[in-house]
Amino acid sequence: MRTIVLASASPRRRDLIAQLGLSVDILPANIDESIFDGLPPRETALALAKAKAALIARRRPDALVIGADTVVAQGERMFGKPQDPVEARSMLTTLSGAMHSVWTGLAVMDGADGRIESDATETKVFFKSIPEPALAAYIHSPEPYDKAGAYGIQGDAGQFVDHIEGDYFNVVGLPLKALVTLLRRFKTMPNPTFPTPPPPLQERPH
């Protein structure tokens, strides 16, 4: 099987790929994300994923390169990673008691010939109203500060989620079924083992 490179430093993406039974090289792609300012959330996630894959594919012509980018959005408003507790509180207060979308763009590029396959996955996440004591405790923990939207569904913020519509692993940072579909277009990934989401956060019917 071809060498696969993940163009990301995210430990969550690395761990999810390992759960599929894939061994990958890690080579983070540092790009100027501001060049895609102004695009809608889906297109932003896709453009960033393609840019990351293309950057690393130029360095690794021997490999298939996976680029991924996750965007948290309400309508056209996008939420990045909070810089401090004030920003984390503002984001989570906005998300409290409401629905938002998590988009992950995926791109798989063949370093040998530049062929690229890409897609974007949306999961709708419905938050409960977050009680003030839980919000205060959460924003003073380390958890919100390396995550778009100021939360990680797989961590303590799972308590804030009423339900989801879509792929749970997309919210964690990597839609596994979509990734397998793209890898199979390159004649790889024949027999994946999909992990199971935690029961309270399994997909509800639309």
N, C-alpha and C. Protein backbone atom coordinates (compact mmCIF):
# COMPACT_ATOMS: atom_id res chain seq x y z
N MET A 1 0.84 -1.19 0.00
CA MET A 1 0.00 0.00 0.00
C MET A 1 0.88 1.25 0.00
N ARG A 2 0.44 2.28 -0.68
CA ARG A 2 1.18 3.54 -0.74
C ARG A 2 1.39 4.12 0.66
N THR A 3 2.49 4.83 0.84
CA THR A 3 2.69 5.60 2.05
C THR A 3 1.63 6.70 2.12
N ILE A 4 1.06 6.89 3.30
CA ILE A 4 0.06 7.93 3.50
C ILE A 4 0.62 8.94 4.49
N VAL A 5 0.49 10.22 4.16
CA VAL A 5 0.95 11.30 5.02
C VAL A 5 -0.25 12.14 5.45
N LEU A 6 -0.34 12.41 6.73
CA LEU A 6 -1.36 13.32 7.25
C LEU A 6 -0.74 14.70 7.41
N ALA A 7 -1.28 15.66 6.68
CA ALA A 7 -0.74 17.03 6.69
C ALA A 7 -1.36 17.83 7.83
N SER A 8 -1.19 17.33 9.05
CA SER A 8 -1.81 17.96 10.21
C SER A 8 -1.05 17.58 11.47
N ALA A 9 -0.99 18.53 12.40
CA ALA A 9 -0.39 18.24 13.70
C ALA A 9 -1.43 17.83 14.73
N SER A 10 -2.69 17.75 14.33
CA SER A 10 -3.77 17.48 15.28
C SER A 10 -3.66 16.08 15.87
N PRO A 11 -3.52 15.98 17.19
CA PRO A 11 -3.49 14.63 17.79
C PRO A 11 -4.82 13.91 17.65
N ARG A 12 -5.91 14.66 17.55
CA ARG A 12 -7.22 14.02 17.39
C ARG A 12 -7.32 13.34 16.02
N ARG A 13 -6.85 14.01 14.98
CA ARG A 13 -6.90 13.39 13.64
C ARG A 13 -5.97 12.19 13.57
N ARG A 14 -4.80 12.32 14.16
CA ARG A 14 -3.85 11.20 14.18
C ARG A 14 -4.46 9.98 14.86
N ASP A 15 -5.12 10.21 16.00
CA ASP A 15 -5.71 9.09 16.74
C ASP A 15 -6.88 8.46 15.99
N LEU A 16 -7.68 9.29 15.32
CA LEU A 16 -8.81 8.75 14.57
C LEU A 16 -8.34 7.89 13.40
N ILE A 17 -7.30 8.35 12.70
CA ILE A 17 -6.77 7.55 11.59
C ILE A 17 -6.23 6.22 12.10
N ALA A 18 -5.58 6.25 13.26
CA ALA A 18 -5.07 5.01 13.84
C ALA A 18 -6.21 4.04 14.15
N GLN A 19 -7.37 4.57 14.55
CA GLN A 19 -8.51 3.70 14.84
C GLN A 19 -9.06 3.03 13.59
N LEU A 20 -8.78 3.62 12.42
CA LEU A 20 -9.15 2.96 11.16
C LEU A 20 -8.22 1.80 10.82
N GLY A 21 -7.12 1.70 11.54
CA GLY A 21 -6.13 0.68 11.23
C GLY A 21 -5.07 1.15 10.26
N LEU A 22 -4.98 2.46 10.03
CA LEU A 22 -4.00 3.03 9.11
C LEU A 22 -2.77 3.52 9.85
N SER A 23 -1.62 3.27 9.28
CA SER A 23 -0.38 3.86 9.77
C SER A 23 0.01 4.99 8.82
N VAL A 24 0.22 6.18 9.37
CA VAL A 24 0.52 7.33 8.53
C VAL A 24 1.74 8.07 9.06
N ASP A 25 2.42 8.77 8.16
CA ASP A 25 3.45 9.72 8.55
C ASP A 25 2.76 11.05 8.87
N ILE A 26 3.32 11.79 9.81
CA ILE A 26 2.77 13.10 10.19
C ILE A 26 3.71 14.19 9.71
N LEU A 27 3.16 15.11 8.93
CA LEU A 27 3.96 16.23 8.43
C LEU A 27 3.04 17.46 8.37
N PRO A 28 3.01 18.25 9.43
CA PRO A 28 2.07 19.39 9.48
C PRO A 28 2.30 20.38 8.35
N ALA A 29 1.19 20.95 7.88
CA ALA A 29 1.23 21.96 6.82
C ALA A 29 0.90 23.31 7.43
N ASN A 30 1.85 24.20 7.43
CA ASN A 30 1.63 25.55 7.97
C ASN A 30 1.38 26.50 6.80
N ILE A 31 0.14 26.95 6.69
CA ILE A 31 -0.23 27.85 5.60
C ILE A 31 -0.85 29.12 6.16
N ASP A 32 -0.89 30.14 5.36
CA ASP A 32 -1.52 31.40 5.73
C ASP A 32 -3.02 31.27 5.47
N GLU A 33 -3.78 31.01 6.53
CA GLU A 33 -5.21 30.75 6.36
C GLU A 33 -5.97 32.01 5.97
N SER A 34 -5.38 33.17 6.17
CA SER A 34 -6.09 34.42 5.88
C SER A 34 -6.33 34.63 4.39
N ILE A 35 -5.60 33.88 3.55
CA ILE A 35 -5.78 34.08 2.11
C ILE A 35 -7.15 33.59 1.64
N PHE A 36 -7.84 32.83 2.50
CA PHE A 36 -9.16 32.33 2.14
C PHE A 36 -10.27 33.07 2.88
N ASP A 37 -9.94 34.19 3.53
CA ASP A 37 -10.96 34.99 4.20
C ASP A 37 -12.03 35.42 3.20
N GLY A 38 -13.27 35.38 3.65
CA GLY A 38 -14.37 35.82 2.80
C GLY A 38 -15.14 34.69 2.14
N LEU A 39 -14.57 33.48 2.16
CA LEU A 39 -15.30 32.34 1.61
C LEU A 39 -16.34 31.83 2.60
N PRO A 40 -17.44 31.23 2.13
CA PRO A 40 -18.40 30.60 3.04
C PRO A 40 -17.76 29.42 3.77
N PRO A 41 -18.39 28.95 4.86
CA PRO A 41 -17.76 27.90 5.67
C PRO A 41 -17.37 26.64 4.90
N ARG A 42 -18.25 26.10 4.07
CA ARG A 42 -17.93 24.87 3.34
C ARG A 42 -16.73 25.09 2.43
N GLU A 43 -16.76 26.19 1.69
CA GLU A 43 -15.68 26.47 0.75
C GLU A 43 -14.37 26.78 1.48
N THR A 44 -14.46 27.41 2.65
CA THR A 44 -13.26 27.68 3.44
C THR A 44 -12.60 26.37 3.86
N ALA A 45 -13.40 25.45 4.41
CA ALA A 45 -12.85 24.17 4.85
C ALA A 45 -12.21 23.40 3.69
N LEU A 46 -12.88 23.40 2.54
CA LEU A 46 -12.34 22.69 1.37
C LEU A 46 -11.06 23.34 0.85
N ALA A 47 -11.06 24.67 0.76
CA ALA A 47 -9.89 25.36 0.23
C ALA A 47 -8.67 25.13 1.12
N LEU A 48 -8.87 25.18 2.43
CA LEU A 48 -7.76 24.97 3.35
C LEU A 48 -7.25 23.54 3.29
N ALA A 49 -8.17 22.58 3.20
CA ALA A 49 -7.75 21.17 3.10
C ALA A 49 -6.92 20.94 1.84
N LYS A 50 -7.37 21.50 0.72
CA LYS A 50 -6.62 21.34 -0.54
C LYS A 50 -5.26 22.01 -0.47
N ALA A 51 -5.21 23.19 0.13
CA ALA A 51 -3.94 23.90 0.23
C ALA A 51 -2.94 23.13 1.10
N LYS A 52 -3.40 22.57 2.19
CA LYS A 52 -2.53 21.79 3.06
C LYS A 52 -2.02 20.54 2.35
N ALA A 53 -2.93 19.84 1.66
CA ALA A 53 -2.51 18.64 0.94
C ALA A 53 -1.50 18.97 -0.14
N ALA A 54 -1.74 20.05 -0.88
CA ALA A 54 -0.85 20.42 -1.98
C ALA A 54 0.53 20.80 -1.48
N LEU A 55 0.59 21.51 -0.35
CA LEU A 55 1.88 21.93 0.19
C LEU A 55 2.75 20.72 0.54
N ILE A 56 2.17 19.74 1.21
CA ILE A 56 2.94 18.58 1.64
C ILE A 56 3.20 17.62 0.48
N ALA A 57 2.27 17.53 -0.46
CA ALA A 57 2.46 16.64 -1.61
C ALA A 57 3.68 17.03 -2.43
N ARG A 58 3.98 18.32 -2.48
CA ARG A 58 5.18 18.76 -3.21
C ARG A 58 6.45 18.24 -2.55
N ARG A 59 6.39 18.03 -1.24
CA ARG A 59 7.56 17.52 -0.51
C ARG A 59 7.63 15.99 -0.52
N ARG A 60 6.46 15.36 -0.73
CA ARG A 60 6.40 13.90 -0.62
C ARG A 60 5.78 13.29 -1.88
N PRO A 61 6.51 13.29 -3.00
CA PRO A 61 5.97 12.72 -4.23
C PRO A 61 5.75 11.21 -4.16
N ASP A 62 6.28 10.58 -3.13
CA ASP A 62 6.10 9.14 -2.97
C ASP A 62 4.77 8.78 -2.32
N ALA A 63 4.02 9.77 -1.83
CA ALA A 63 2.92 9.48 -0.90
C ALA A 63 1.57 9.98 -1.39
N LEU A 64 0.54 9.43 -0.76
CA LEU A 64 -0.79 10.04 -0.77
C LEU A 64 -0.87 10.94 0.45
N VAL A 65 -1.29 12.18 0.24
CA VAL A 65 -1.30 13.16 1.33
C VAL A 65 -2.74 13.53 1.67
N ILE A 66 -3.06 13.46 2.95
CA ILE A 66 -4.39 13.84 3.44
C ILE A 66 -4.32 15.23 4.04
N GLY A 67 -5.10 16.15 3.49
CA GLY A 67 -5.28 17.47 4.08
C GLY A 67 -6.67 17.57 4.67
N ALA A 68 -6.79 18.22 5.81
CA ALA A 68 -8.09 18.36 6.46
C ALA A 68 -8.17 19.71 7.17
N ASP A 69 -9.36 20.28 7.20
CA ASP A 69 -9.57 21.50 7.96
C ASP A 69 -11.02 21.52 8.44
N THR A 70 -11.20 21.88 9.72
CA THR A 70 -12.52 21.88 10.33
C THR A 70 -12.93 23.30 10.67
N VAL A 71 -14.17 23.64 10.31
CA VAL A 71 -14.72 24.98 10.53
C VAL A 71 -16.01 24.84 11.32
N VAL A 72 -16.14 25.63 12.37
CA VAL A 72 -17.37 25.70 13.16
C VAL A 72 -18.09 26.99 12.76
N ALA A 73 -19.39 26.86 12.43
CA ALA A 73 -20.10 28.03 11.89
C ALA A 73 -21.56 28.04 12.30
N GLN A 74 -22.08 29.24 12.47
CA GLN A 74 -23.53 29.48 12.54
C GLN A 74 -23.87 30.35 11.34
N GLY A 75 -24.57 29.76 10.39
CA GLY A 75 -24.79 30.48 9.14
C GLY A 75 -23.45 30.75 8.48
N GLU A 76 -23.18 32.00 8.16
CA GLU A 76 -21.92 32.37 7.53
C GLU A 76 -20.86 32.80 8.56
N ARG A 77 -21.25 32.88 9.81
CA ARG A 77 -20.30 33.30 10.85
C ARG A 77 -19.46 32.10 11.29
N MET A 78 -18.14 32.26 11.24
CA MET A 78 -17.24 31.17 11.60
C MET A 78 -16.52 31.47 12.90
N PHE A 79 -16.27 30.41 13.66
CA PHE A 79 -15.63 30.52 14.96
C PHE A 79 -14.27 29.83 14.91
N GLY A 80 -13.22 30.57 15.18
CA GLY A 80 -11.88 29.99 15.22
C GLY A 80 -11.54 29.47 16.60
N LYS A 81 -10.25 29.41 16.89
CA LYS A 81 -9.79 28.97 18.20
C LYS A 81 -9.70 30.19 19.12
N PRO A 82 -10.30 30.12 20.30
CA PRO A 82 -10.27 31.28 21.20
C PRO A 82 -8.87 31.55 21.73
N GLN A 83 -8.58 32.80 21.93
CA GLN A 83 -7.27 33.20 22.42
C GLN A 83 -7.21 33.33 23.94
N ASP A 84 -8.39 33.49 24.58
CA ASP A 84 -8.41 33.71 26.03
C ASP A 84 -9.80 33.34 26.55
N PRO A 85 -9.97 33.33 27.89
CA PRO A 85 -11.28 32.97 28.45
C PRO A 85 -12.42 33.89 28.02
N VAL A 86 -12.13 35.16 27.80
CA VAL A 86 -13.19 36.09 27.36
C VAL A 86 -13.73 35.67 26.00
N GLU A 87 -12.82 35.33 25.07
CA GLU A 87 -13.25 34.91 23.74
C GLU A 87 -13.93 33.55 23.79
N ALA A 88 -13.43 32.64 24.62
CA ALA A 88 -14.06 31.33 24.75
C ALA A 88 -15.48 31.47 25.30
N ARG A 89 -15.65 32.33 26.30
CA ARG A 89 -16.99 32.55 26.86
C ARG A 89 -17.93 33.11 25.81
N SER A 90 -17.46 34.07 25.02
CA SER A 90 -18.30 34.67 23.99
C SER A 90 -18.76 33.63 22.97
N MET A 91 -17.83 32.79 22.53
CA MET A 91 -18.20 31.75 21.55
C MET A 91 -19.22 30.79 22.12
N LEU A 92 -18.95 30.27 23.32
CA LEU A 92 -19.82 29.25 23.89
C LEU A 92 -21.18 29.83 24.27
N THR A 93 -21.22 31.09 24.66
CA THR A 93 -22.51 31.74 24.95
C THR A 93 -23.34 31.85 23.68
N THR A 94 -22.68 32.13 22.56
CA THR A 94 -23.38 32.19 21.28
C THR A 94 -23.91 30.82 20.87
N LEU A 95 -23.13 29.77 21.09
CA LEU A 95 -23.53 28.42 20.70
C LEU A 95 -24.57 27.83 21.65
N SER A 96 -24.63 28.32 22.89
CA SER A 96 -25.52 27.77 23.91
C SER A 96 -26.98 27.84 23.48
N GLY A 97 -27.67 26.69 23.59
CA GLY A 97 -29.09 26.63 23.30
C GLY A 97 -29.43 26.74 21.82
N ALA A 98 -28.46 26.56 20.95
CA ALA A 98 -28.68 26.76 19.52
C ALA A 98 -28.01 25.66 18.71
N MET A 99 -28.28 25.68 17.41
CA MET A 99 -27.65 24.74 16.49
C MET A 99 -26.53 25.44 15.75
N HIS A 100 -25.44 24.70 15.52
CA HIS A 100 -24.38 25.18 14.64
C HIS A 100 -23.91 24.04 13.75
N SER A 101 -23.16 24.38 12.74
CA SER A 101 -22.63 23.38 11.81
C SER A 101 -21.13 23.23 11.99
N VAL A 102 -20.68 22.01 11.88
CA VAL A 102 -19.25 21.72 11.82
C VAL A 102 -18.96 21.17 10.43
N TRP A 103 -18.12 21.88 9.70
CA TRP A 103 -17.71 21.46 8.36
C TRP A 103 -16.26 20.99 8.41
N THR A 104 -15.98 19.83 7.85
CA THR A 104 -14.60 19.42 7.66
C THR A 104 -14.36 19.20 6.17
N GLY A 105 -13.40 19.95 5.64
CA GLY A 105 -12.95 19.71 4.28
C GLY A 105 -11.87 18.66 4.29
N LEU A 106 -11.93 17.76 3.33
CA LEU A 106 -10.93 16.71 3.17
C LEU A 106 -10.39 16.76 1.76
N ALA A 107 -9.09 16.57 1.63
CA ALA A 107 -8.47 16.45 0.32
C ALA A 107 -7.39 15.38 0.38
N VAL A 108 -7.39 14.50 -0.59
CA VAL A 108 -6.34 13.49 -0.73
C VAL A 108 -5.64 13.75 -2.05
N MET A 109 -4.32 13.98 -1.99
CA MET A 109 -3.55 14.30 -3.20
C MET A 109 -2.45 13.27 -3.40
N ASP A 110 -2.30 12.84 -4.63
CA ASP A 110 -1.21 11.95 -5.02
C ASP A 110 0.02 12.81 -5.31
N GLY A 111 1.06 12.64 -4.49
CA GLY A 111 2.26 13.44 -4.69
C GLY A 111 2.97 13.19 -6.00
N ALA A 112 2.70 12.03 -6.60
CA ALA A 112 3.40 11.68 -7.84
C ALA A 112 2.86 12.43 -9.05
N ASP A 113 1.55 12.57 -9.14
CA ASP A 113 0.98 13.17 -10.35
C ASP A 113 0.07 14.37 -10.07
N GLY A 114 -0.12 14.72 -8.81
CA GLY A 114 -0.93 15.88 -8.47
C GLY A 114 -2.43 15.65 -8.50
N ARG A 115 -2.86 14.43 -8.76
CA ARG A 115 -4.31 14.15 -8.75
C ARG A 115 -4.85 14.40 -7.34
N ILE A 116 -6.02 15.03 -7.27
CA ILE A 116 -6.61 15.34 -5.98
C ILE A 116 -8.09 14.96 -5.97
N GLU A 117 -8.52 14.38 -4.87
CA GLU A 117 -9.93 14.07 -4.64
C GLU A 117 -10.32 14.76 -3.34
N SER A 118 -11.49 15.42 -3.34
CA SER A 118 -11.85 16.20 -2.16
C SER A 118 -13.35 16.16 -1.91
N ASP A 119 -13.72 16.49 -0.69
CA ASP A 119 -15.12 16.56 -0.31
C ASP A 119 -15.21 17.32 1.01
N ALA A 120 -16.42 17.76 1.35
CA ALA A 120 -16.66 18.42 2.63
C ALA A 120 -17.86 17.77 3.30
N THR A 121 -17.78 17.61 4.60
CA THR A 121 -18.81 16.95 5.39
C THR A 121 -19.37 17.92 6.41
N GLU A 122 -20.69 17.97 6.53
CA GLU A 122 -21.34 18.82 7.53
C GLU A 122 -22.00 17.96 8.60
N THR A 123 -21.80 18.32 9.86
CA THR A 123 -22.56 17.77 10.97
C THR A 123 -23.23 18.92 11.69
N LYS A 124 -24.52 18.77 11.97
CA LYS A 124 -25.25 19.77 12.74
C LYS A 124 -25.20 19.38 14.21
N VAL A 125 -24.81 20.32 15.04
CA VAL A 125 -24.65 20.09 16.48
C VAL A 125 -25.64 20.99 17.22
N PHE A 126 -26.45 20.37 18.08
CA PHE A 126 -27.47 21.10 18.83
C PHE A 126 -27.05 21.16 20.30
N PHE A 127 -26.75 22.36 20.77
CA PHE A 127 -26.33 22.56 22.15
C PHE A 127 -27.55 22.77 23.06
N LYS A 128 -27.46 22.22 24.27
CA LYS A 128 -28.37 22.61 25.34
C LYS A 128 -28.00 24.03 25.79
N SER A 129 -28.85 24.63 26.61
CA SER A 129 -28.45 25.86 27.27
C SER A 129 -27.40 25.51 28.32
N ILE A 130 -26.26 26.18 28.26
CA ILE A 130 -25.15 25.84 29.14
C ILE A 130 -25.29 26.60 30.45
N PRO A 131 -25.40 25.90 31.59
CA PRO A 131 -25.50 26.59 32.87
C PRO A 131 -24.21 27.37 33.16
N GLU A 132 -24.35 28.49 33.83
CA GLU A 132 -23.20 29.34 34.12
C GLU A 132 -22.08 28.61 34.89
N PRO A 133 -22.39 27.82 35.91
CA PRO A 133 -21.28 27.14 36.60
C PRO A 133 -20.50 26.20 35.69
N ALA A 134 -21.18 25.49 34.81
CA ALA A 134 -20.49 24.59 33.88
C ALA A 134 -19.67 25.38 32.86
N LEU A 135 -20.22 26.50 32.40
CA LEU A 135 -19.50 27.34 31.44
C LEU A 135 -18.23 27.91 32.09
N ALA A 136 -18.36 28.42 33.29
CA ALA A 136 -17.21 29.01 33.97
C ALA A 136 -16.11 27.98 34.20
N ALA A 137 -16.50 26.78 34.62
CA ALA A 137 -15.51 25.73 34.86
C ALA A 137 -14.83 25.33 33.56
N TYR A 138 -15.60 25.27 32.48
CA TYR A 138 -15.04 24.80 31.21
C TYR A 138 -14.04 25.80 30.64
N ILE A 139 -14.37 27.07 30.67
CA ILE A 139 -13.48 28.05 30.04
C ILE A 139 -12.20 28.26 30.85
N HIS A 140 -12.19 27.80 32.10
CA HIS A 140 -10.97 27.89 32.90
C HIS A 140 -10.21 26.56 32.93
N SER A 141 -10.63 25.63 32.09
CA SER A 141 -9.86 24.40 31.87
C SER A 141 -9.02 24.60 30.61
N PRO A 142 -8.07 23.71 30.35
CA PRO A 142 -7.25 23.86 29.13
C PRO A 142 -7.98 23.49 27.84
N GLU A 143 -9.14 22.87 27.96
CA GLU A 143 -9.75 22.21 26.80
C GLU A 143 -10.15 23.11 25.64
N PRO A 144 -10.69 24.32 25.87
CA PRO A 144 -11.24 25.07 24.73
C PRO A 144 -10.21 25.67 23.77
N TYR A 145 -8.94 25.77 24.17
CA TYR A 145 -8.05 26.73 23.53
C TYR A 145 -7.29 26.23 22.31
N ASP A 146 -7.42 24.98 21.95
CA ASP A 146 -6.83 24.53 20.68
C ASP A 146 -7.90 23.98 19.75
N LYS A 147 -9.14 24.44 19.95
CA LYS A 147 -10.27 23.89 19.20
C LYS A 147 -11.14 24.99 18.62
N ALA A 148 -11.48 24.85 17.35
CA ALA A 148 -12.41 25.79 16.73
C ALA A 148 -13.75 25.74 17.45
N GLY A 149 -14.32 26.92 17.72
CA GLY A 149 -15.59 26.98 18.42
C GLY A 149 -15.45 26.87 19.92
N ALA A 150 -14.23 26.71 20.43
CA ALA A 150 -13.94 26.68 21.87
C ALA A 150 -14.46 25.44 22.58
N TYR A 151 -14.62 24.34 21.84
CA TYR A 151 -15.04 23.13 22.55
C TYR A 151 -14.58 21.89 21.80
N GLY A 152 -14.46 20.80 22.57
CA GLY A 152 -14.19 19.48 21.99
C GLY A 152 -15.30 18.54 22.40
N ILE A 153 -16.04 18.03 21.43
CA ILE A 153 -17.20 17.18 21.73
C ILE A 153 -16.79 15.90 22.44
N GLN A 154 -15.55 15.46 22.21
CA GLN A 154 -15.08 14.21 22.80
C GLN A 154 -14.61 14.39 24.24
N GLY A 155 -14.59 15.64 24.72
CA GLY A 155 -14.14 15.92 26.07
C GLY A 155 -15.29 16.34 26.97
N ASP A 156 -14.98 17.23 27.91
CA ASP A 156 -15.99 17.65 28.87
C ASP A 156 -17.15 18.40 28.22
N ALA A 157 -16.92 18.98 27.04
CA ALA A 157 -18.00 19.72 26.38
C ALA A 157 -19.09 18.80 25.83
N GLY A 158 -18.86 17.49 25.85
CA GLY A 158 -19.93 16.58 25.46
C GLY A 158 -21.20 16.78 26.26
N GLN A 159 -21.05 17.27 27.50
CA GLN A 159 -22.21 17.53 28.37
C GLN A 159 -23.10 18.65 27.84
N PHE A 160 -22.54 19.51 26.97
CA PHE A 160 -23.31 20.64 26.44
C PHE A 160 -24.18 20.24 25.25
N VAL A 161 -23.93 19.06 24.68
CA VAL A 161 -24.57 18.68 23.43
C VAL A 161 -25.87 17.92 23.68
N ASP A 162 -26.95 18.41 23.09
CA ASP A 162 -28.23 17.69 23.17
C ASP A 162 -28.24 16.53 22.19
N HIS A 163 -27.93 16.83 20.92
CA HIS A 163 -27.84 15.76 19.91
C HIS A 163 -27.12 16.31 18.69
N ILE A 164 -26.81 15.41 17.77
CA ILE A 164 -26.17 15.79 16.51
C ILE A 164 -26.94 15.18 15.35
N GLU A 165 -26.76 15.77 14.19
CA GLU A 165 -27.24 15.19 12.94
C GLU A 165 -26.05 15.10 12.00
N GLY A 166 -25.53 13.90 11.82
CA GLY A 166 -24.35 13.73 10.98
C GLY A 166 -23.30 12.90 11.68
N ASP A 167 -22.08 12.99 11.15
CA ASP A 167 -20.97 12.15 11.59
C ASP A 167 -20.33 12.74 12.86
N TYR A 168 -20.38 11.98 13.96
CA TYR A 168 -19.75 12.41 15.21
C TYR A 168 -18.26 12.68 15.02
N PHE A 169 -17.59 11.82 14.28
CA PHE A 169 -16.14 11.96 14.13
C PHE A 169 -15.76 13.19 13.32
N ASN A 170 -16.69 13.69 12.51
CA ASN A 170 -16.48 14.96 11.83
C ASN A 170 -16.31 16.08 12.85
N VAL A 171 -17.09 16.05 13.92
CA VAL A 171 -17.01 17.09 14.95
C VAL A 171 -15.70 16.97 15.72
N VAL A 172 -15.21 15.76 15.90
CA VAL A 172 -13.92 15.55 16.54
C VAL A 172 -12.80 16.10 15.65
N GLY A 173 -13.00 16.04 14.32
CA GLY A 173 -12.01 16.63 13.42
C GLY A 173 -11.71 15.86 12.16
N LEU A 174 -12.35 14.66 11.99
CA LEU A 174 -12.06 13.87 10.79
C LEU A 174 -13.23 12.94 10.48
N PRO A 175 -14.00 13.24 9.42
CA PRO A 175 -15.12 12.37 9.04
C PRO A 175 -14.58 11.08 8.42
N LEU A 176 -14.62 10.00 9.16
CA LEU A 176 -13.90 8.79 8.77
C LEU A 176 -14.49 8.12 7.53
N LYS A 177 -15.80 8.07 7.42
CA LYS A 177 -16.40 7.42 6.25
C LYS A 177 -16.08 8.21 4.98
N ALA A 178 -16.11 9.52 5.07
CA ALA A 178 -15.75 10.34 3.90
C ALA A 178 -14.29 10.15 3.53
N LEU A 179 -13.42 10.03 4.53
CA LEU A 179 -12.00 9.81 4.25
C LEU A 179 -11.78 8.47 3.55
N VAL A 180 -12.44 7.43 4.03
CA VAL A 180 -12.29 6.11 3.41
C VAL A 180 -12.77 6.15 1.96
N THR A 181 -13.87 6.86 1.70
CA THR A 181 -14.37 6.99 0.34
C THR A 181 -13.32 7.62 -0.58
N LEU A 182 -12.65 8.67 -0.10
CA LEU A 182 -11.63 9.33 -0.92
C LEU A 182 -10.42 8.43 -1.13
N LEU A 183 -9.98 7.75 -0.07
CA LEU A 183 -8.81 6.88 -0.20
C LEU A 183 -9.08 5.73 -1.17
N ARG A 184 -10.30 5.23 -1.19
CA ARG A 184 -10.63 4.12 -2.09
C ARG A 184 -10.58 4.54 -3.55
N ARG A 185 -10.72 5.83 -3.82
CA ARG A 185 -10.58 6.30 -5.21
C ARG A 185 -9.14 6.18 -5.69
N PHE A 186 -8.22 6.01 -4.75
CA PHE A 186 -6.81 5.77 -5.08
C PHE A 186 -6.44 4.30 -4.89
N LYS A 187 -7.46 3.44 -4.83
CA LYS A 187 -7.25 1.98 -4.73
C LYS A 187 -6.50 1.60 -3.45
N THR A 188 -6.83 2.29 -2.37
CA THR A 188 -6.26 1.92 -1.07
C THR A 188 -7.39 1.88 -0.05
N MET A 189 -7.09 1.49 1.17
CA MET A 189 -8.05 1.42 2.26
C MET A 189 -9.13 0.36 2.02
N PRO A 190 -8.76 -0.92 1.84
CA PRO A 190 -9.76 -1.93 1.49
C PRO A 190 -10.68 -2.34 2.63
N ASN A 191 -10.17 -2.49 3.86
CA ASN A 191 -10.98 -3.05 4.95
C ASN A 191 -10.83 -2.25 6.23
N PRO A 192 -11.43 -1.06 6.28
CA PRO A 192 -11.30 -0.24 7.49
C PRO A 192 -12.11 -0.81 8.65
N THR A 193 -11.70 -0.48 9.85
CA THR A 193 -12.45 -0.78 11.05
C THR A 193 -12.93 0.55 11.63
N PHE A 194 -14.24 0.78 11.58
CA PHE A 194 -14.76 2.06 12.04
C PHE A 194 -15.01 2.02 13.54
N PRO A 195 -14.52 3.01 14.28
CA PRO A 195 -14.86 3.10 15.70
C PRO A 195 -16.33 3.47 15.88
N THR A 196 -16.83 3.26 17.08
CA THR A 196 -18.23 3.54 17.39
C THR A 196 -18.32 4.81 18.23
N PRO A 197 -19.19 5.76 17.83
CA PRO A 197 -19.35 6.97 18.65
C PRO A 197 -19.94 6.62 20.01
N PRO A 198 -19.73 7.48 21.01
CA PRO A 198 -20.39 7.26 22.30
C PRO A 198 -21.91 7.30 22.13
N PRO A 199 -22.64 6.42 22.79
CA PRO A 199 -24.09 6.30 22.54
C PRO A 199 -24.88 7.60 22.63
N PRO A 200 -24.63 8.50 23.61
CA PRO A 200 -25.45 9.71 23.65
C PRO A 200 -25.26 10.61 22.45
N LEU A 201 -24.15 10.43 21.70
CA LEU A 201 -23.83 11.34 20.60
C LEU A 201 -23.87 10.65 19.25
N GLN A 202 -24.50 9.51 19.19
CA GLN A 202 -24.68 8.89 17.88
C GLN A 202 -25.70 9.68 17.07
N GLU A 203 -25.58 9.58 15.77
CA GLU A 203 -26.39 10.40 14.88
C GLU A 203 -27.88 10.12 15.05
N ARG A 204 -28.66 11.17 15.13
CA ARG A 204 -30.13 11.05 15.06
C ARG A 204 -30.57 11.21 13.61
N PRO A 205 -31.70 10.62 13.26
CA PRO A 205 -32.20 10.81 11.88
C PRO A 205 -32.52 12.28 11.63
N HIS A 206 -32.32 12.71 10.40
CA HIS A 206 -32.62 14.09 10.02
C HIS A 206 -34.13 14.29 10.02
